[in-house]
Amino acid sequence: MWGYVLGPLLFLIFINDISQLALIGHIRMFADDTVILYETKDPSTIISSMEHDMTIILEYFKSNLISLNLHKTKFMVFHSPHKTLFGPSCFTINNITIHRTENFTDCLGRSTLNRFVVK
């Protein structure tokens, strides 16, 4: 019985401090899903911002004995359908390639596309 209650509680205690890290992006969390949002007018800065934040997050996880599955980590660029998608399709952290995706399904099964359509 205690394992069912204690495991998720300990996870939340460790992971809630992640919002206090000095990240460039804006962090949003729901249960065990975490999203970091970036907003910029200069697209060339996004990859360096993501690399910076991932380095800080990985160090935080390491110091708290938490693991991050980088093989499941992806990034998505939201853009107007009238603009060409920019930049690289991947970047590397700890010798693992993080790929850009065109759509994402969250823990609740909701899908997100990378284009905004204004009607």
PDB file of N, CA and C in Angstrom:
ATOM      1  N   MET A   1       0.813  -1.204   0.000  1.00  0.00           N
ATOM      2  CA  MET A   1       0.000   0.000   0.000  1.00  0.00           C
ATOM      3  C   MET A   1       0.855   1.267   0.000  1.00  0.00           C
ATOM      4  N   TRP A   2       1.925   1.298   0.848  1.00  0.00           N
ATOM      5  CA  TRP A   2       2.747   2.508   0.946  1.00  0.00           C
ATOM      6  C   TRP A   2       3.448   2.831  -0.369  1.00  0.00           C
ATOM      7  N   GLY A   3       3.822   1.806  -1.120  1.00  0.00           N
ATOM      8  CA  GLY A   3       4.502   2.039  -2.392  1.00  0.00           C
ATOM      9  C   GLY A   3       3.626   2.782  -3.381  1.00  0.00           C
ATOM     10  N   TYR A   4       2.326   2.505  -3.347  1.00  0.00           N
ATOM     11  CA  TYR A   4       1.400   3.168  -4.261  1.00  0.00           C
ATOM     12  C   TYR A   4       1.247   4.651  -3.935  1.00  0.00           C
ATOM     13  N   VAL A   5       1.380   4.991  -2.666  1.00  0.00           N
ATOM     14  CA  VAL A   5       1.212   6.374  -2.227  1.00  0.00           C
ATOM     15  C   VAL A   5       2.551   7.096  -2.177  1.00  0.00           C
ATOM     16  N   LEU A   6       3.559   6.442  -1.651  1.00  0.00           N
ATOM     17  CA  LEU A   6       4.848   7.074  -1.412  1.00  0.00           C
ATOM     18  C   LEU A   6       5.604   7.390  -2.699  1.00  0.00           C
ATOM     19  N   GLY A   7       5.561   6.508  -3.696  1.00  0.00           N
ATOM     20  CA  GLY A   7       6.282   6.726  -4.958  1.00  0.00           C
ATOM     21  C   GLY A   7       5.878   8.026  -5.644  1.00  0.00           C
ATOM     22  N   PRO A   8       4.596   8.214  -5.955  1.00  0.00           N
ATOM     23  CA  PRO A   8       4.170   9.460  -6.594  1.00  0.00           C
ATOM     24  C   PRO A   8       4.407  10.691  -5.721  1.00  0.00           C
ATOM     25  N   LEU A   9       4.262  10.550  -4.414  1.00  0.00           N
ATOM     26  CA  LEU A   9       4.492  11.682  -3.513  1.00  0.00           C
ATOM     27  C   LEU A   9       5.956  12.117  -3.552  1.00  0.00           C
ATOM     28  N   LEU A  10       6.868  11.159  -3.472  1.00  0.00           N
ATOM     29  CA  LEU A  10       8.294  11.492  -3.541  1.00  0.00           C
ATOM     30  C   LEU A  10       8.655  12.108  -4.889  1.00  0.00           C
ATOM     31  N   PHE A  11       8.074  11.585  -5.968  1.00  0.00           N
ATOM     32  CA  PHE A  11       8.318  12.152  -7.295  1.00  0.00           C
ATOM     33  C   PHE A  11       7.909  13.621  -7.325  1.00  0.00           C
ATOM     34  N   LEU A  12       6.725  13.925  -6.819  1.00  0.00           N
ATOM     35  CA  LEU A  12       6.248  15.310  -6.814  1.00  0.00           C
ATOM     36  C   LEU A  12       7.122  16.213  -5.954  1.00  0.00           C
ATOM     37  N   ILE A  13       7.591  15.713  -4.831  1.00  0.00           N
ATOM     38  CA  ILE A  13       8.464  16.511  -3.966  1.00  0.00           C
ATOM     39  C   ILE A  13       9.750  16.877  -4.707  1.00  0.00           C
ATOM     40  N   PHE A  14      10.341  15.902  -5.401  1.00  0.00           N
ATOM     41  CA  PHE A  14      11.582  16.171  -6.119  1.00  0.00           C
ATOM     42  C   PHE A  14      11.361  17.036  -7.354  1.00  0.00           C
ATOM     43  N   ILE A  15      10.308  16.792  -8.102  1.00  0.00           N
ATOM     44  CA  ILE A  15      10.122  17.444  -9.396  1.00  0.00           C
ATOM     45  C   ILE A  15       9.560  18.860  -9.264  1.00  0.00           C
ATOM     46  N   ASN A  16       8.841  19.162  -8.181  1.00  0.00           N
ATOM     47  CA  ASN A  16       8.251  20.493  -8.044  1.00  0.00           C
ATOM     48  C   ASN A  16       9.286  21.604  -7.967  1.00  0.00           C
ATOM     49  N   ASP A  17      10.479  21.320  -7.474  1.00  0.00           N
ATOM     50  CA  ASP A  17      11.534  22.327  -7.394  1.00  0.00           C
ATOM     51  C   ASP A  17      12.072  22.725  -8.764  1.00  0.00           C
ATOM     52  N   ILE A  18      11.762  21.959  -9.781  1.00  0.00           N
ATOM     53  CA  ILE A  18      12.279  22.268 -11.112  1.00  0.00           C
ATOM     54  C   ILE A  18      11.796  23.646 -11.595  1.00  0.00           C
ATOM     55  N   SER A  19      10.646  24.070 -11.115  1.00  0.00           N
ATOM     56  CA  SER A  19      10.131  25.384 -11.531  1.00  0.00           C
ATOM     57  C   SER A  19      10.938  26.529 -10.923  1.00  0.00           C
ATOM     58  N   GLN A  20      11.805  26.239  -9.945  1.00  0.00           N
ATOM     59  CA  GLN A  20      12.643  27.265  -9.316  1.00  0.00           C
ATOM     60  C   GLN A  20      13.994  27.426 -10.008  1.00  0.00           C
ATOM     61  N   LEU A  21      14.293  26.588 -10.986  1.00  0.00           N
ATOM     62  CA  LEU A  21      15.580  26.671 -11.685  1.00  0.00           C
ATOM     63  C   LEU A  21      15.644  27.930 -12.547  1.00  0.00           C
ATOM     64  N   ALA A  22      16.846  28.434 -12.744  1.00  0.00           N
ATOM     65  CA  ALA A  22      17.057  29.644 -13.552  1.00  0.00           C
ATOM     66  C   ALA A  22      17.100  29.272 -15.032  1.00  0.00           C
ATOM     67  N   LEU A  23      15.926  29.012 -15.585  1.00  0.00           N
ATOM     68  CA  LEU A  23      15.820  28.616 -16.990  1.00  0.00           C
ATOM     69  C   LEU A  23      15.473  29.816 -17.857  1.00  0.00           C
ATOM     70  N   ILE A  24      15.854  29.743 -19.108  1.00  0.00           N
ATOM     71  CA  ILE A  24      15.478  30.779 -20.074  1.00  0.00           C
ATOM     72  C   ILE A  24      14.015  30.611 -20.465  1.00  0.00           C
ATOM     73  N   GLY A  25      13.598  29.373 -20.660  1.00  0.00           N
ATOM     74  CA  GLY A  25      12.223  29.080 -21.056  1.00  0.00           C
ATOM     75  C   GLY A  25      11.263  29.113 -19.882  1.00  0.00           C
ATOM     76  N   HIS A  26       9.990  29.054 -20.208  1.00  0.00           N
ATOM     77  CA  HIS A  26       8.914  29.046 -19.208  1.00  0.00           C
ATOM     78  C   HIS A  26       8.446  27.611 -19.044  1.00  0.00           C
ATOM     79  N   ILE A  27       8.537  27.088 -17.832  1.00  0.00           N
ATOM     80  CA  ILE A  27       8.234  25.684 -17.591  1.00  0.00           C
ATOM     81  C   ILE A  27       6.766  25.502 -17.206  1.00  0.00           C
ATOM     82  N   ARG A  28       6.152  24.461 -17.759  1.00  0.00           N
ATOM     83  CA  ARG A  28       4.774  24.082 -17.440  1.00  0.00           C
ATOM     84  C   ARG A  28       4.786  22.595 -17.128  1.00  0.00           C
ATOM     85  N   MET A  29       4.123  22.214 -16.029  1.00  0.00           N
ATOM     86  CA  MET A  29       4.122  20.813 -15.615  1.00  0.00           C
ATOM     87  C   MET A  29       2.699  20.342 -15.357  1.00  0.00           C
ATOM     88  N   PHE A  30       2.446  19.084 -15.704  1.00  0.00           N
ATOM     89  CA  PHE A  30       1.201  18.415 -15.353  1.00  0.00           C
ATOM     90  C   PHE A  30       1.550  16.958 -15.083  1.00  0.00           C
ATOM     91  N   ALA A  31       1.343  16.525 -13.853  1.00  0.00           N
ATOM     92  CA  ALA A  31       1.706  15.166 -13.428  1.00  0.00           C
ATOM     93  C   ALA A  31       3.175  14.933 -13.756  1.00  0.00           C
ATOM     94  N   ASP A  32       3.478  13.931 -14.576  1.00  0.00           N
ATOM     95  CA  ASP A  32       4.878  13.677 -14.905  1.00  0.00           C
ATOM     96  C   ASP A  32       5.264  14.192 -16.284  1.00  0.00           C
ATOM     97  N   ASP A  33       4.425  15.022 -16.903  1.00  0.00           N
ATOM     98  CA  ASP A  33       4.762  15.664 -18.180  1.00  0.00           C
ATOM     99  C   ASP A  33       5.270  17.074 -17.908  1.00  0.00           C
ATOM    100  N   THR A  34       6.366  17.427 -18.537  1.00  0.00           N
ATOM    101  CA  THR A  34       6.940  18.759 -18.386  1.00  0.00           C
ATOM    102  C   THR A  34       7.174  19.341 -19.769  1.00  0.00           C
ATOM    103  N   VAL A  35       6.784  20.600 -19.943  1.00  0.00           N
ATOM    104  CA  VAL A  35       6.969  21.314 -21.201  1.00  0.00           C
ATOM    105  C   VAL A  35       7.698  22.617 -20.883  1.00  0.00           C
ATOM    106  N   ILE A  36       8.676  22.955 -21.706  1.00  0.00           N
ATOM    107  CA  ILE A  36       9.358  24.234 -21.569  1.00  0.00           C
ATOM    108  C   ILE A  36       9.053  25.038 -22.822  1.00  0.00           C
ATOM    109  N   LEU A  37       8.508  26.236 -22.635  1.00  0.00           N
ATOM    110  CA  LEU A  37       8.096  27.090 -23.745  1.00  0.00           C
ATOM    111  C   LEU A  37       9.093  28.229 -23.922  1.00  0.00           C
ATOM    112  N   TYR A  38       9.381  28.549 -25.181  1.00  0.00           N
ATOM    113  CA  TYR A  38      10.274  29.641 -25.532  1.00  0.00           C
ATOM    114  C   TYR A  38       9.559  30.559 -26.501  1.00  0.00           C
ATOM    115  N   GLU A  39       9.777  31.831 -26.349  1.00  0.00           N
ATOM    116  CA  GLU A  39       9.198  32.821 -27.263  1.00  0.00           C
ATOM    117  C   GLU A  39      10.326  33.732 -27.721  1.00  0.00           C
ATOM    118  N   THR A  40      10.429  33.920 -29.021  1.00  0.00           N
ATOM    119  CA  THR A  40      11.508  34.761 -29.531  1.00  0.00           C
ATOM    120  C   THR A  40      11.154  35.327 -30.899  1.00  0.00           C
ATOM    121  N   LYS A  41      11.715  36.454 -31.199  1.00  0.00           N
ATOM    122  CA  LYS A  41      11.611  37.025 -32.539  1.00  0.00           C
ATOM    123  C   LYS A  41      12.827  36.636 -33.372  1.00  0.00           C
ATOM    124  N   ASP A  42      13.872  36.130 -32.703  1.00  0.00           N
ATOM    125  CA  ASP A  42      15.095  35.698 -33.377  1.00  0.00           C
ATOM    126  C   ASP A  42      15.205  34.177 -33.271  1.00  0.00           C
ATOM    127  N   PRO A  43      14.760  33.453 -34.291  1.00  0.00           N
ATOM    128  CA  PRO A  43      14.723  31.989 -34.233  1.00  0.00           C
ATOM    129  C   PRO A  43      16.076  31.329 -33.967  1.00  0.00           C
ATOM    130  N   SER A  44      17.162  32.000 -34.287  1.00  0.00           N
ATOM    131  CA  SER A  44      18.476  31.381 -34.109  1.00  0.00           C
ATOM    132  C   SER A  44      18.836  31.193 -32.637  1.00  0.00           C
ATOM    133  N   THR A  45      18.132  31.846 -31.730  1.00  0.00           N
ATOM    134  CA  THR A  45      18.459  31.740 -30.303  1.00  0.00           C
ATOM    135  C   THR A  45      17.777  30.560 -29.613  1.00  0.00           C
ATOM    136  N   ILE A  46      16.799  29.950 -30.249  1.00  0.00           N
ATOM    137  CA  ILE A  46      16.022  28.912 -29.574  1.00  0.00           C
ATOM    138  C   ILE A  46      16.863  27.679 -29.244  1.00  0.00           C
ATOM    139  N   ILE A  47      17.651  27.189 -30.182  1.00  0.00           N
ATOM    140  CA  ILE A  47      18.449  25.987 -29.931  1.00  0.00           C
ATOM    141  C   ILE A  47      19.427  26.225 -28.787  1.00  0.00           C
ATOM    142  N   SER A  48      20.114  27.356 -28.780  1.00  0.00           N
ATOM    143  CA  SER A  48      21.062  27.619 -27.683  1.00  0.00           C
ATOM    144  C   SER A  48      20.329  27.753 -26.351  1.00  0.00           C
ATOM    145  N   SER A  49      19.126  28.319 -26.352  1.00  0.00           N
ATOM    146  CA  SER A  49      18.325  28.415 -25.124  1.00  0.00           C
ATOM    147  C   SER A  49      17.910  27.026 -24.639  1.00  0.00           C
ATOM    148  N   MET A  50      17.506  26.157 -25.557  1.00  0.00           N
ATOM    149  CA  MET A  50      17.116  24.799 -25.179  1.00  0.00           C
ATOM    150  C   MET A  50      18.310  24.027 -24.632  1.00  0.00           C
ATOM    151  N   GLU A  51      19.463  24.156 -25.277  1.00  0.00           N
ATOM    152  CA  GLU A  51      20.663  23.472 -24.803  1.00  0.00           C
ATOM    153  C   GLU A  51      21.038  23.957 -23.403  1.00  0.00           C
ATOM    154  N   HIS A  52      20.961  25.262 -23.192  1.00  0.00           N
ATOM    155  CA  HIS A  52      21.259  25.848 -21.873  1.00  0.00           C
ATOM    156  C   HIS A  52      20.330  25.260 -20.810  1.00  0.00           C
ATOM    157  N   ASP A  53      19.034  25.284 -21.071  1.00  0.00           N
ATOM    158  CA  ASP A  53      18.052  24.800 -20.097  1.00  0.00           C
ATOM    159  C   ASP A  53      18.177  23.301 -19.846  1.00  0.00           C
ATOM    160  N   MET A  54      18.405  22.527 -20.896  1.00  0.00           N
ATOM    161  CA  MET A  54      18.543  21.078 -20.720  1.00  0.00           C
ATOM    162  C   MET A  54      19.768  20.742 -19.881  1.00  0.00           C
ATOM    163  N   THR A  55      20.843  21.494 -20.038  1.00  0.00           N
ATOM    164  CA  THR A  55      22.041  21.278 -19.224  1.00  0.00           C
ATOM    165  C   THR A  55      21.734  21.519 -17.752  1.00  0.00           C
ATOM    166  N   ILE A  56      21.022  22.593 -17.448  1.00  0.00           N
ATOM    167  CA  ILE A  56      20.640  22.899 -16.062  1.00  0.00           C
ATOM    168  C   ILE A  56      19.708  21.823 -15.507  1.00  0.00           C
ATOM    169  N   ILE A  57      18.721  21.413 -16.290  1.00  0.00           N
ATOM    170  CA  ILE A  57      17.762  20.400 -15.844  1.00  0.00           C
ATOM    171  C   ILE A  57      18.449  19.058 -15.602  1.00  0.00           C
ATOM    172  N   LEU A  58      19.329  18.664 -16.509  1.00  0.00           N
ATOM    173  CA  LEU A  58      20.028  17.393 -16.330  1.00  0.00           C
ATOM    174  C   LEU A  58      20.922  17.407 -15.090  1.00  0.00           C
ATOM    175  N   GLU A  59      21.556  18.534 -14.809  1.00  0.00           N
ATOM    176  CA  GLU A  59      22.377  18.650 -13.598  1.00  0.00           C
ATOM    177  C   GLU A  59      21.498  18.568 -12.348  1.00  0.00           C
ATOM    178  N   TYR A  60      20.349  19.218 -12.381  1.00  0.00           N
ATOM    179  CA  TYR A  60      19.395  19.152 -11.261  1.00  0.00           C
ATOM    180  C   TYR A  60      18.939  17.705 -11.036  1.00  0.00           C
ATOM    181  N   PHE A  61      18.578  17.029 -12.128  1.00  0.00           N
ATOM    182  CA  PHE A  61      18.136  15.637 -12.018  1.00  0.00           C
ATOM    183  C   PHE A  61      19.239  14.764 -11.451  1.00  0.00           C
ATOM    184  N   LYS A  62      20.458  14.942 -11.944  1.00  0.00           N
ATOM    185  CA  LYS A  62      21.592  14.145 -11.479  1.00  0.00           C
ATOM    186  C   LYS A  62      21.817  14.344  -9.982  1.00  0.00           C
ATOM    187  N   SER A  63      21.762  15.589  -9.519  1.00  0.00           N
ATOM    188  CA  SER A  63      21.998  15.859  -8.103  1.00  0.00           C
ATOM    189  C   SER A  63      20.875  15.331  -7.210  1.00  0.00           C
ATOM    190  N   ASN A  64      19.680  15.101  -7.777  1.00  0.00           N
ATOM    191  CA  ASN A  64      18.548  14.574  -7.015  1.00  0.00           C
ATOM    192  C   ASN A  64      18.247  13.115  -7.336  1.00  0.00           C
ATOM    193  N   LEU A  65      19.182  12.467  -8.039  1.00  0.00           N
ATOM    194  CA  LEU A  65      19.052  11.050  -8.391  1.00  0.00           C
ATOM    195  C   LEU A  65      17.778  10.741  -9.162  1.00  0.00           C
ATOM    196  N   ILE A  66      17.413  11.662 -10.063  1.00  0.00           N
ATOM    197  CA  ILE A  66      16.256  11.478 -10.941  1.00  0.00           C
ATOM    198  C   ILE A  66      16.796  11.252 -12.353  1.00  0.00           C
ATOM    199  N   SER A  67      16.182  10.365 -13.090  1.00  0.00           N
ATOM    200  CA  SER A  67      16.628  10.128 -14.464  1.00  0.00           C
ATOM    201  C   SER A  67      15.659  10.770 -15.448  1.00  0.00           C
ATOM    202  N   LEU A  68      16.197  11.186 -16.571  1.00  0.00           N
ATOM    203  CA  LEU A  68      15.403  11.758 -17.658  1.00  0.00           C
ATOM    204  C   LEU A  68      15.642  10.907 -18.887  1.00  0.00           C
ATOM    205  N   ASN A  69      14.573  10.442 -19.492  1.00  0.00           N
ATOM    206  CA  ASN A  69      14.691   9.628 -20.691  1.00  0.00           C
ATOM    207  C   ASN A  69      14.823  10.557 -21.898  1.00  0.00           C
ATOM    208  N   LEU A  70      16.064  10.860 -22.263  1.00  0.00           N
ATOM    209  CA  LEU A  70      16.304  11.753 -23.399  1.00  0.00           C
ATOM    210  C   LEU A  70      15.842  11.146 -24.720  1.00  0.00           C
ATOM    211  N   HIS A  71      15.715   9.832 -24.780  1.00  0.00           N
ATOM    212  CA  HIS A  71      15.243   9.189 -26.010  1.00  0.00           C
ATOM    213  C   HIS A  71      13.767   9.503 -26.270  1.00  0.00           C
ATOM    214  N   LYS A  72      13.011   9.858 -25.240  1.00  0.00           N
ATOM    215  CA  LYS A  72      11.607  10.234 -25.395  1.00  0.00           C
ATOM    216  C   LYS A  72      11.419  11.746 -25.491  1.00  0.00           C
ATOM    217  N   THR A  73      12.506  12.496 -25.343  1.00  0.00           N
ATOM    218  CA  THR A  73      12.435  13.953 -25.351  1.00  0.00           C
ATOM    219  C   THR A  73      12.401  14.460 -26.784  1.00  0.00           C
ATOM    220  N   LYS A  74      11.474  15.368 -27.068  1.00  0.00           N
ATOM    221  CA  LYS A  74      11.325  15.964 -28.397  1.00  0.00           C
ATOM    222  C   LYS A  74      11.159  17.471 -28.251  1.00  0.00           C
ATOM    223  N   PHE A  75      11.313  18.194 -29.360  1.00  0.00           N
ATOM    224  CA  PHE A  75      10.959  19.603 -29.336  1.00  0.00           C
ATOM    225  C   PHE A  75      10.104  19.934 -30.549  1.00  0.00           C
ATOM    226  N   MET A  76       9.270  20.951 -30.368  1.00  0.00           N
ATOM    227  CA  MET A  76       8.340  21.369 -31.406  1.00  0.00           C
ATOM    228  C   MET A  76       8.439  22.876 -31.566  1.00  0.00           C
ATOM    229  N   VAL A  77       8.403  23.331 -32.805  1.00  0.00           N
ATOM    230  CA  VAL A  77       8.428  24.763 -33.103  1.00  0.00           C
ATOM    231  C   VAL A  77       7.051  25.148 -33.614  1.00  0.00           C
ATOM    232  N   PHE A  78       6.395  26.076 -32.896  1.00  0.00           N
ATOM    233  CA  PHE A  78       5.103  26.590 -33.336  1.00  0.00           C
ATOM    234  C   PHE A  78       5.341  27.777 -34.247  1.00  0.00           C
ATOM    235  N   HIS A  79       4.605  27.815 -35.335  1.00  0.00           N
ATOM    236  CA  HIS A  79       4.793  28.895 -36.291  1.00  0.00           C
ATOM    237  C   HIS A  79       3.523  29.108 -37.100  1.00  0.00           C
ATOM    238  N   SER A  80       3.474  30.240 -37.751  1.00  0.00           N
ATOM    239  CA  SER A  80       2.359  30.543 -38.640  1.00  0.00           C
ATOM    240  C   SER A  80       2.446  29.631 -39.867  1.00  0.00           C
ATOM    241  N   PRO A  81       1.318  29.170 -40.381  1.00  0.00           N
ATOM    242  CA  PRO A  81       1.362  28.336 -41.591  1.00  0.00           C
ATOM    243  C   PRO A  81       1.848  29.128 -42.805  1.00  0.00           C
ATOM    244  N   HIS A  82       1.905  30.449 -42.685  1.00  0.00           N
ATOM    245  CA  HIS A  82       2.345  31.299 -43.795  1.00  0.00           C
ATOM    246  C   HIS A  82       3.851  31.538 -43.780  1.00  0.00           C
ATOM    247  N   LYS A  83       4.536  31.035 -42.755  1.00  0.00           N
ATOM    248  CA  LYS A  83       5.979  31.227 -42.651  1.00  0.00           C
ATOM    249  C   LYS A  83       6.694  29.890 -42.786  1.00  0.00           C
ATOM    250  N   THR A  84       7.883  29.953 -43.344  1.00  0.00           N
ATOM    251  CA  THR A  84       8.694  28.756 -43.504  1.00  0.00           C
ATOM    252  C   THR A  84       9.314  28.371 -42.163  1.00  0.00           C
ATOM    253  N   LEU A  85       9.315  27.075 -41.874  1.00  0.00           N
ATOM    254  CA  LEU A  85       9.914  26.593 -40.642  1.00  0.00           C
ATOM    255  C   LEU A  85      11.421  26.758 -40.732  1.00  0.00           C
ATOM    256  N   PHE A  86      12.030  27.232 -39.670  1.00  0.00           N
ATOM    257  CA  PHE A  86      13.435  27.578 -39.651  1.00  0.00           C
ATOM    258  C   PHE A  86      14.256  26.564 -38.878  1.00  0.00           C
ATOM    259  N   GLY A  87      15.546  26.730 -38.985  1.00  0.00           N
ATOM    260  CA  GLY A  87      16.496  26.103 -38.084  1.00  0.00           C
ATOM    261  C   GLY A  87      16.659  24.615 -38.224  1.00  0.00           C
ATOM    262  N   PRO A  88      17.532  24.085 -37.364  1.00  0.00           N
ATOM    263  CA  PRO A  88      17.853  22.652 -37.416  1.00  0.00           C
ATOM    264  C   PRO A  88      16.689  21.791 -36.957  1.00  0.00           C
ATOM    265  N   SER A  89      16.729  20.547 -37.392  1.00  0.00           N
ATOM    266  CA  SER A  89      15.671  19.610 -37.009  1.00  0.00           C
ATOM    267  C   SER A  89      16.056  18.798 -35.776  1.00  0.00           C
ATOM    268  N   CYS A  90      17.236  19.088 -35.210  1.00  0.00           N
ATOM    269  CA  CYS A  90      17.652  18.372 -34.008  1.00  0.00           C
ATOM    270  C   CYS A  90      18.780  19.119 -33.307  1.00  0.00           C
ATOM    271  N   PHE A  91      19.047  18.733 -32.068  1.00  0.00           N
ATOM    272  CA  PHE A  91      20.240  19.173 -31.350  1.00  0.00           C
ATOM    273  C   PHE A  91      20.664  18.038 -30.431  1.00  0.00           C
ATOM    274  N   THR A  92      21.857  18.118 -29.873  1.00  0.00           N
ATOM    275  CA  THR A  92      22.417  17.013 -29.109  1.00  0.00           C
ATOM    276  C   THR A  92      22.688  17.417 -27.666  1.00  0.00           C
ATOM    277  N   ILE A  93      22.277  16.559 -26.742  1.00  0.00           N
ATOM    278  CA  ILE A  93      22.556  16.708 -25.322  1.00  0.00           C
ATOM    279  C   ILE A  93      23.099  15.373 -24.823  1.00  0.00           C
ATOM    280  N   ASN A  94      24.241  15.388 -24.155  1.00  0.00           N
ATOM    281  CA  ASN A  94      24.857  14.160 -23.626  1.00  0.00           C
ATOM    282  C   ASN A  94      24.972  13.063 -24.683  1.00  0.00           C
ATOM    283  N   ASN A  95      25.365  13.450 -25.878  1.00  0.00           N
ATOM    284  CA  ASN A  95      25.547  12.526 -27.008  1.00  0.00           C
ATOM    285  C   ASN A  95      24.245  11.841 -27.444  1.00  0.00           C
ATOM    286  N   ILE A  96      23.108  12.406 -27.078  1.00  0.00           N
ATOM    287  CA  ILE A  96      21.809  11.894 -27.525  1.00  0.00           C
ATOM    288  C   ILE A  96      21.138  12.983 -28.341  1.00  0.00           C
ATOM    289  N   THR A  97      20.653  12.616 -29.502  1.00  0.00           N
ATOM    290  CA  THR A  97      20.032  13.580 -30.410  1.00  0.00           C
ATOM    291  C   THR A  97      18.576  13.786 -30.024  1.00  0.00           C
ATOM    292  N   ILE A  98      18.203  15.057 -29.852  1.00  0.00           N
ATOM    293  CA  ILE A  98      16.826  15.445 -29.565  1.00  0.00           C
ATOM    294  C   ILE A  98      16.234  15.941 -30.884  1.00  0.00           C
ATOM    295  N   HIS A  99      15.193  15.272 -31.359  1.00  0.00           N
ATOM    296  CA  HIS A  99      14.614  15.575 -32.670  1.00  0.00           C
ATOM    297  C   HIS A  99      13.415  16.506 -32.567  1.00  0.00           C
ATOM    298  N   ARG A 100      13.238  17.298 -33.608  1.00  0.00           N
ATOM    299  CA  ARG A 100      12.045  18.143 -33.720  1.00  0.00           C
ATOM    300  C   ARG A 100      10.897  17.263 -34.204  1.00  0.00           C
ATOM    301  N   THR A 101       9.702  17.557 -33.703  1.00  0.00           N
ATOM    302  CA  THR A 101       8.514  16.816 -34.121  1.00  0.00           C
ATOM    303  C   THR A 101       7.483  17.810 -34.665  1.00  0.00           C
ATOM    304  N   GLU A 102       6.608  17.327 -35.505  1.00  0.00           N
ATOM    305  CA  GLU A 102       5.567  18.171 -36.094  1.00  0.00           C
ATOM    306  C   GLU A 102       4.263  18.103 -35.302  1.00  0.00           C
ATOM    307  N   ASN A 103       4.111  17.054 -34.484  1.00  0.00           N
ATOM    308  CA  ASN A 103       2.919  16.946 -33.637  1.00  0.00           C
ATOM    309  C   ASN A 103       3.292  16.224 -32.357  1.00  0.00           C
ATOM    310  N   PHE A 104       2.457  16.364 -31.366  1.00  0.00           N
ATOM    311  CA  PHE A 104       2.751  15.822 -30.043  1.00  0.00           C
ATOM    312  C   PHE A 104       1.448  15.385 -29.403  1.00  0.00           C
ATOM    313  N   THR A 105       1.479  14.254 -28.704  1.00  0.00           N
ATOM    314  CA  THR A 105       0.325  13.791 -27.945  1.00  0.00           C
ATOM    315  C   THR A 105       0.699  13.793 -26.471  1.00  0.00           C
ATOM    316  N   ASP A 106      -0.075  14.512 -25.662  1.00  0.00           N
ATOM    317  CA  ASP A 106       0.245  14.619 -24.233  1.00  0.00           C
ATOM    318  C   ASP A 106      -0.264  13.410 -23.459  1.00  0.00           C
ATOM    319  N   CYS A 107      -0.071  13.444 -22.131  1.00  0.00           N
ATOM    320  CA  CYS A 107      -0.438  12.304 -21.290  1.00  0.00           C
ATOM    321  C   CYS A 107      -1.943  12.052 -21.257  1.00  0.00           C
ATOM    322  N   LEU A 108      -2.748  13.024 -21.663  1.00  0.00           N
ATOM    323  CA  LEU A 108      -4.197  12.849 -21.687  1.00  0.00           C
ATOM    324  C   LEU A 108      -4.709  12.411 -23.056  1.00  0.00           C
ATOM    325  N   GLY A 109      -3.769  12.194 -23.987  1.00  0.00           N
ATOM    326  CA  GLY A 109      -4.147  11.751 -25.314  1.00  0.00           C
ATOM    327  C   GLY A 109      -4.533  12.866 -26.274  1.00  0.00           C
ATOM    328  N   ARG A 110      -4.308  14.122 -25.871  1.00  0.00           N
ATOM    329  CA  ARG A 110      -4.638  15.252 -26.744  1.00  0.00           C
ATOM    330  C   ARG A 110      -3.477  15.513 -27.691  1.00  0.00           C
ATOM    331  N   SER A 111      -3.793  15.745 -28.952  1.00  0.00           N
ATOM    332  CA  SER A 111      -2.758  16.012 -29.953  1.00  0.00           C
ATOM    333  C   SER A 111      -2.589  17.501 -30.170  1.00  0.00           C
ATOM    334  N   THR A 112      -1.347  17.897 -30.449  1.00  0.00           N
ATOM    335  CA  THR A 112      -1.019  19.287 -30.731  1.00  0.00           C
ATOM    336  C   THR A 112      -0.242  19.327 -32.043  1.00  0.00           C
ATOM    337  N   LEU A 113      -0.647  20.202 -32.945  1.00  0.00           N
ATOM    338  CA  LEU A 113       0.081  20.417 -34.180  1.00  0.00           C
ATOM    339  C   LEU A 113       0.942  21.655 -34.026  1.00  0.00           C
ATOM    340  N   ASN A 114       1.964  21.804 -34.853  1.00  0.00           N
ATOM    341  CA  ASN A 114       2.899  22.904 -34.683  1.00  0.00           C
ATOM    342  C   ASN A 114       2.522  24.167 -35.450  1.00  0.00           C
ATOM    343  N   ARG A 115       1.308  24.247 -35.983  1.00  0.00           N
ATOM    344  CA  ARG A 115       0.898  25.439 -36.718  1.00  0.00           C
ATOM    345  C   ARG A 115      -0.340  26.047 -36.100  1.00  0.00           C
ATOM    346  N   PHE A 116      -0.332  27.372 -36.000  1.00  0.00           N
ATOM    347  CA  PHE A 116      -1.506  28.094 -35.527  1.00  0.00           C
ATOM    348  C   PHE A 116      -2.320  28.530 -36.729  1.00  0.00           C
ATOM    349  N   VAL A 117      -3.614  28.386 -36.653  1.00  0.00           N
ATOM    350  CA  VAL A 117      -4.493  28.840 -37.718  1.00  0.00           C
ATOM    351  C   VAL A 117      -5.478  29.824 -37.098  1.00  0.00           C
ATOM    352  N   VAL A 118      -5.463  31.058 -37.610  1.00  0.00           N
ATOM    353  CA  VAL A 118      -6.365  32.087 -37.119  1.00  0.00           C
ATOM    354  C   VAL A 118      -7.470  32.253 -38.148  1.00  0.00           C
ATOM    355  N   LYS A 119      -8.708  32.175 -37.681  1.00  0.00           N
ATOM    356  CA  LYS A 119      -9.845  32.313 -38.615  1.00  0.00           C
ATOM    357  C   LYS A 119     -10.582  33.584 -38.311  1.00  0.00           C
TER     358      LYS A 119
END
